[in-house]
Every structure is written in C-alpha cells, then in structure tokens.
C-alpha cells in the first residue's frame, strides 16, 4: 500500500498542466473552494468514462457545494482534451505523465489486471477543504456512484 497523506494535514501542494496546457495549482483554490482531487488510470476507458460523466452531470450540485473537481491521470493534455470533447466534460483534467503528484498522494502503486501485476494509478479521491487541509480519502472508489459518494461527504462535513 502506498503512503497516503494524513487526513487533517495540509494536502500535498501541486501544480500540473490541464487539458489546455494551462497551469493549475492547489493554492489557486485556497480560501475559495473545496477541492475534489480524483486520480483515475486512463482517459477514454470504460470505468473512467462512467466516473467522469457522473461528475459532469453533477456540475450544478458541486457548484452549490462550493467545490471544484480536478481529475488527474498520466495522460498527456491533448488526450485529456479529446476526452473532454468526446464526453462533453465540464471540469478540469490534469496531466501527471511522470506520476509525481500521484506519488505524493499515494495514488501510484501495484495493480493487477487479467493476472498481470504492474504499477499504475490507483483510483482514489481526496477531498480538500477551503483551508487546504485534507478532509477525507476515498480509497475504494465505485465509478458508478463516485459523484454521489463525494457530494454526500461534502454536504455532510464541509
């Protein structure tokens, strides 16, 4: 198991490039919005698409909860842009090709698929408060209910 940051501590800082090649930093949101930082393995794969579309369809609910959603994968910005266009996504996707940020969050590690073991992105979600502190870690993410599960936590706790 990778080393996860501690709930209650300041969330690990990051600056990554989004689908448009623009830099996005965690500190941009401090004092303004809650941040849902979710790591997903690969753009345009079935599970990741289901997860992203759930978030897309809940844009108003996330806005009401004063929350911004950031999806992080190792995909390059041009692939993220195609994913957004294909699925009509309405939130920011971040490119972490060398998985430096995934490492900081403990979201890179051993996985199994069809009997093969390899290192990759672990599907995890981190909920960060306006104060920049880590409020919650979702280690077992269900792609179909992810948006509901995240919103429930935010509405009940933040």
C-alpha atoms as a PDB file:
ATOM      1  CA  UNK A   1       0.000   0.000   0.000  1.00  0.00           C
ATOM      2  CA  UNK A   2       1.320   3.401  -0.969  1.00  0.00           C
ATOM      3  CA  UNK A   3       1.784   6.097   1.642  1.00  0.00           C
ATOM      4  CA  UNK A   4      -1.370   8.179   1.793  1.00  0.00           C
ATOM      5  CA  UNK A   5      -1.262  11.726   3.150  1.00  0.00           C
ATOM      6  CA  UNK A   6      -2.868  12.142   6.576  1.00  0.00           C
ATOM      7  CA  UNK A   7      -6.395  13.443   6.929  1.00  0.00           C
ATOM      8  CA  UNK A   8      -6.239  16.713   8.879  1.00  0.00           C
ATOM      9  CA  UNK A   9      -2.840  17.693   7.464  1.00  0.00           C
ATOM     10  CA  UNK A  10      -2.318  20.207   4.679  1.00  0.00           C
ATOM     11  CA  UNK A  11      -2.906  18.486   1.345  1.00  0.00           C
ATOM     12  CA  UNK A  12       0.312  17.986  -0.653  1.00  0.00           C
ATOM     13  CA  UNK A  13       0.872  21.017  -2.896  1.00  0.00           C
ATOM     14  CA  UNK A  14       0.889  20.562  -6.652  1.00  0.00           C
ATOM     15  CA  UNK A  15       0.974  22.406  -9.943  1.00  0.00           C
ATOM     16  CA  UNK A  16       0.012  20.460 -13.053  1.00  0.00           C
ATOM     17  CA  UNK A  17      -0.910  21.299 -16.635  1.00  0.00           C
ATOM     18  CA  UNK A  18      -4.579  20.965 -17.636  1.00  0.00           C
ATOM     19  CA  UNK A  19      -6.182  19.875 -20.912  1.00  0.00           C
ATOM     20  CA  UNK A  20      -5.474  23.332 -22.403  1.00  0.00           C
ATOM     21  CA  UNK A  21      -1.812  23.411 -21.365  1.00  0.00           C
ATOM     22  CA  UNK A  22      -2.576  25.911 -18.562  1.00  0.00           C
ATOM     23  CA  UNK A  23      -1.005  25.509 -15.125  1.00  0.00           C
ATOM     24  CA  UNK A  24      -3.351  24.688 -12.261  1.00  0.00           C
ATOM     25  CA  UNK A  25      -2.114  24.780  -8.667  1.00  0.00           C
ATOM     26  CA  UNK A  26      -3.832  23.612  -5.496  1.00  0.00           C
ATOM     27  CA  UNK A  27      -3.071  27.001  -3.899  1.00  0.00           C
ATOM     28  CA  UNK A  28      -5.275  28.679  -6.563  1.00  0.00           C
ATOM     29  CA  UNK A  29      -8.345  27.436  -4.665  1.00  0.00           C
ATOM     30  CA  UNK A  30      -7.238  28.021  -1.061  1.00  0.00           C
ATOM     31  CA  UNK A  31      -9.695  30.139   0.872  1.00  0.00           C
ATOM     32  CA  UNK A  32     -12.167  29.981  -2.050  1.00  0.00           C
ATOM     33  CA  UNK A  33     -13.345  26.456  -2.788  1.00  0.00           C
ATOM     34  CA  UNK A  34     -13.303  22.860  -1.628  1.00  0.00           C
ATOM     35  CA  UNK A  35     -11.319  20.654  -3.999  1.00  0.00           C
ATOM     36  CA  UNK A  36     -12.139  17.114  -5.063  1.00  0.00           C
ATOM     37  CA  UNK A  37      -8.909  15.658  -6.424  1.00  0.00           C
ATOM     38  CA  UNK A  38      -9.525  12.330  -8.049  1.00  0.00           C
ATOM     39  CA  UNK A  39      -6.963  10.041  -9.635  1.00  0.00           C
ATOM     40  CA  UNK A  40      -8.070   7.819 -12.500  1.00  0.00           C
ATOM     41  CA  UNK A  41      -5.989   5.421 -14.614  1.00  0.00           C
ATOM     42  CA  UNK A  42      -6.678   6.427 -18.207  1.00  0.00           C
ATOM     43  CA  UNK A  43      -8.864   8.795 -20.221  1.00  0.00           C
ATOM     44  CA  UNK A  44     -11.479   7.245 -22.509  1.00  0.00           C
ATOM     45  CA  UNK A  45     -11.553   3.833 -20.804  1.00  0.00           C
ATOM     46  CA  UNK A  46     -14.961   2.482 -19.700  1.00  0.00           C
ATOM     47  CA  UNK A  47     -14.672   2.902 -15.913  1.00  0.00           C
ATOM     48  CA  UNK A  48     -13.009   6.303 -16.168  1.00  0.00           C
ATOM     49  CA  UNK A  49     -15.692   7.471 -18.608  1.00  0.00           C
ATOM     50  CA  UNK A  50     -18.531   6.391 -16.275  1.00  0.00           C
ATOM     51  CA  UNK A  51     -16.817   8.187 -13.381  1.00  0.00           C
ATOM     52  CA  UNK A  52     -16.180  11.389 -15.373  1.00  0.00           C
ATOM     53  CA  UNK A  53     -19.721  11.529 -16.785  1.00  0.00           C
ATOM     54  CA  UNK A  54     -21.192  11.245 -13.272  1.00  0.00           C
ATOM     55  CA  UNK A  55     -19.161  14.281 -12.225  1.00  0.00           C
ATOM     56  CA  UNK A  56     -20.148  16.117 -15.428  1.00  0.00           C
ATOM     57  CA  UNK A  57     -23.846  15.529 -14.739  1.00  0.00           C
ATOM     58  CA  UNK A  58     -23.498  16.875 -11.175  1.00  0.00           C
ATOM     59  CA  UNK A  59     -21.805  20.162 -12.083  1.00  0.00           C
ATOM     60  CA  UNK A  60     -24.608  22.264 -10.519  1.00  0.00           C
ATOM     61  CA  UNK A  61     -24.539  20.238  -7.289  1.00  0.00           C
ATOM     62  CA  UNK A  62     -20.756  20.634  -6.989  1.00  0.00           C
ATOM     63  CA  UNK A  63     -21.086  24.385  -7.664  1.00  0.00           C
ATOM     64  CA  UNK A  64     -23.752  24.658  -4.925  1.00  0.00           C
ATOM     65  CA  UNK A  65     -21.349  22.898  -2.549  1.00  0.00           C
ATOM     66  CA  UNK A  66     -18.648  25.479  -3.460  1.00  0.00           C
ATOM     67  CA  UNK A  67     -16.473  22.669  -4.793  1.00  0.00           C
ATOM     68  CA  UNK A  68     -14.192  22.310  -7.792  1.00  0.00           C
ATOM     69  CA  UNK A  69     -13.414  18.856  -9.213  1.00  0.00           C
ATOM     70  CA  UNK A  70      -9.986  18.063 -10.659  1.00  0.00           C
ATOM     71  CA  UNK A  71      -9.315  14.737 -12.360  1.00  0.00           C
ATOM     72  CA  UNK A  72      -5.686  13.557 -12.560  1.00  0.00           C
ATOM     73  CA  UNK A  73      -4.238  10.898 -14.863  1.00  0.00           C
ATOM     74  CA  UNK A  74      -0.914  10.195 -16.594  1.00  0.00           C
ATOM     75  CA  UNK A  75      -2.491  11.158 -19.944  1.00  0.00           C
ATOM     76  CA  UNK A  76      -0.968  13.998 -21.986  1.00  0.00           C
ATOM     77  CA  UNK A  77      -3.008  17.246 -22.316  1.00  0.00           C
ATOM     78  CA  UNK A  78      -4.038  16.543 -25.931  1.00  0.00           C
ATOM     79  CA  UNK A  79      -5.591  13.225 -24.899  1.00  0.00           C
ATOM     80  CA  UNK A  80      -7.362  14.935 -21.986  1.00  0.00           C
ATOM     81  CA  UNK A  81      -8.758  17.499 -24.439  1.00  0.00           C
ATOM     82  CA  UNK A  82     -10.111  14.709 -26.682  1.00  0.00           C
ATOM     83  CA  UNK A  83     -11.690  13.013 -23.618  1.00  0.00           C
ATOM     84  CA  UNK A  84     -13.394  16.288 -22.666  1.00  0.00           C
ATOM     85  CA  UNK A  85     -14.675  16.853 -26.217  1.00  0.00           C
ATOM     86  CA  UNK A  86     -15.857  13.277 -26.691  1.00  0.00           C
ATOM     87  CA  UNK A  87     -17.731  13.132 -23.353  1.00  0.00           C
ATOM     88  CA  UNK A  88     -18.680  16.833 -23.164  1.00  0.00           C
ATOM     89  CA  UNK A  89     -16.928  17.106 -19.791  1.00  0.00           C
ATOM     90  CA  UNK A  90     -17.268  20.396 -17.902  1.00  0.00           C
ATOM     91  CA  UNK A  91     -14.471  20.194 -15.342  1.00  0.00           C
ATOM     92  CA  UNK A  92     -10.678  20.323 -15.324  1.00  0.00           C
ATOM     93  CA  UNK A  93      -8.487  17.329 -16.113  1.00  0.00           C
ATOM     94  CA  UNK A  94      -4.819  17.450 -15.134  1.00  0.00           C
ATOM     95  CA  UNK A  95      -1.865  15.712 -16.755  1.00  0.00           C
ATOM     96  CA  UNK A  96       0.601  13.889 -14.468  1.00  0.00           C
ATOM     97  CA  UNK A  97       2.666  11.895 -17.019  1.00  0.00           C
ATOM     98  CA  UNK A  98       5.571  11.121 -14.666  1.00  0.00           C
ATOM     99  CA  UNK A  99       3.105  10.408 -11.802  1.00  0.00           C
ATOM    100  CA  UNK A 100       4.941  12.779  -9.418  1.00  0.00           C
ATOM    101  CA  UNK A 101       1.689  14.061  -7.912  1.00  0.00           C
ATOM    102  CA  UNK A 102       0.135  10.590  -7.813  1.00  0.00           C
ATOM    103  CA  UNK A 103       3.234   9.522  -5.844  1.00  0.00           C
ATOM    104  CA  UNK A 104       2.803  12.457  -3.413  1.00  0.00           C
ATOM    105  CA  UNK A 105      -0.788  11.361  -2.776  1.00  0.00           C
ATOM    106  CA  UNK A 106      -0.016   7.642  -2.538  1.00  0.00           C
ATOM    107  CA  UNK A 107      -2.083   7.008  -5.679  1.00  0.00           C
ATOM    108  CA  UNK A 108       0.603   5.208  -7.669  1.00  0.00           C
ATOM    109  CA  UNK A 109       1.333   1.598  -6.893  1.00  0.00           C
ATOM    110  CA  UNK A 110       0.985  -2.081  -7.729  1.00  0.00           C
ATOM    111  CA  UNK A 111      -2.159  -3.150  -9.577  1.00  0.00           C
ATOM    112  CA  UNK A 112      -3.439  -6.381 -11.035  1.00  0.00           C
ATOM    113  CA  UNK A 113      -5.251  -6.742 -14.319  1.00  0.00           C
ATOM    114  CA  UNK A 114      -6.017 -10.058 -16.005  1.00  0.00           C
ATOM    115  CA  UNK A 115      -3.429 -11.841 -13.873  1.00  0.00           C
ATOM    116  CA  UNK A 116      -0.642  -9.374 -14.645  1.00  0.00           C
ATOM    117  CA  UNK A 117       0.902  -7.152 -11.992  1.00  0.00           C
ATOM    118  CA  UNK A 118       2.156  -3.686 -12.870  1.00  0.00           C
ATOM    119  CA  UNK A 119       2.455  -0.214 -11.373  1.00  0.00           C
ATOM    120  CA  UNK A 120      -0.212   2.313 -12.203  1.00  0.00           C
ATOM    121  CA  UNK A 121      -2.674   4.892 -10.949  1.00  0.00           C
ATOM    122  CA  UNK A 122      -4.828   3.708  -8.053  1.00  0.00           C
ATOM    123  CA  UNK A 123      -8.382   5.002  -8.366  1.00  0.00           C
ATOM    124  CA  UNK A 124      -8.622   7.235  -5.295  1.00  0.00           C
ATOM    125  CA  UNK A 125     -10.272  10.509  -4.360  1.00  0.00           C
ATOM    126  CA  UNK A 126      -9.065  13.193  -1.962  1.00  0.00           C
ATOM    127  CA  UNK A 127     -11.424  15.824  -0.571  1.00  0.00           C
ATOM    128  CA  UNK A 128      -9.613  19.016   0.380  1.00  0.00           C
ATOM    129  CA  UNK A 129     -11.279  21.814   2.339  1.00  0.00           C
ATOM    130  CA  UNK A 130     -11.099  25.536   1.565  1.00  0.00           C
ATOM    131  CA  UNK A 131      -8.415  25.752   4.254  1.00  0.00           C
ATOM    132  CA  UNK A 132      -6.157  23.486   2.152  1.00  0.00           C
ATOM    133  CA  UNK A 133      -6.411  20.622   4.637  1.00  0.00           C
ATOM    134  CA  UNK A 134      -7.157  17.068   3.604  1.00  0.00           C
ATOM    135  CA  UNK A 135     -10.650  16.250   4.901  1.00  0.00           C
ATOM    136  CA  UNK A 136     -11.278  12.768   3.532  1.00  0.00           C
ATOM    137  CA  UNK A 137      -9.727   9.988   1.431  1.00  0.00           C
ATOM    138  CA  UNK A 138     -11.854   7.627  -0.622  1.00  0.00           C
ATOM    139  CA  UNK A 139      -9.699   4.585  -1.162  1.00  0.00           C
ATOM    140  CA  UNK A 140     -12.353   2.292  -2.609  1.00  0.00           C
ATOM    141  CA  UNK A 141     -13.999   4.280  -5.382  1.00  0.00           C
ATOM    142  CA  UNK A 142     -17.074   2.950  -7.177  1.00  0.00           C
ATOM    143  CA  UNK A 143     -17.124   4.575 -10.613  1.00  0.00           C
ATOM    144  CA  UNK A 144     -20.933   4.468 -10.914  1.00  0.00           C
ATOM    145  CA  UNK A 145     -21.651   6.219  -7.595  1.00  0.00           C
ATOM    146  CA  UNK A 146     -18.457   8.274  -7.172  1.00  0.00           C
ATOM    147  CA  UNK A 147     -20.174  11.664  -7.728  1.00  0.00           C
ATOM    148  CA  UNK A 148     -22.906  10.839  -5.170  1.00  0.00           C
ATOM    149  CA  UNK A 149     -20.436   9.494  -2.612  1.00  0.00           C
ATOM    150  CA  UNK A 150     -18.241  12.604  -2.886  1.00  0.00           C
ATOM    151  CA  UNK A 151     -21.167  15.037  -2.686  1.00  0.00           C
ATOM    152  CA  UNK A 152     -22.659  13.220   0.296  1.00  0.00           C
ATOM    153  CA  UNK A 153     -19.378  13.615   2.179  1.00  0.00           C
ATOM    154  CA  UNK A 154     -19.033  17.313   1.261  1.00  0.00           C
ATOM    155  CA  UNK A 155     -22.643  18.161   2.101  1.00  0.00           C
ATOM    156  CA  UNK A 156     -22.474  16.373   5.458  1.00  0.00           C
ATOM    157  CA  UNK A 157     -18.997  17.503   6.538  1.00  0.00           C
ATOM    158  CA  UNK A 158     -17.843  20.735   4.868  1.00  0.00           C
END
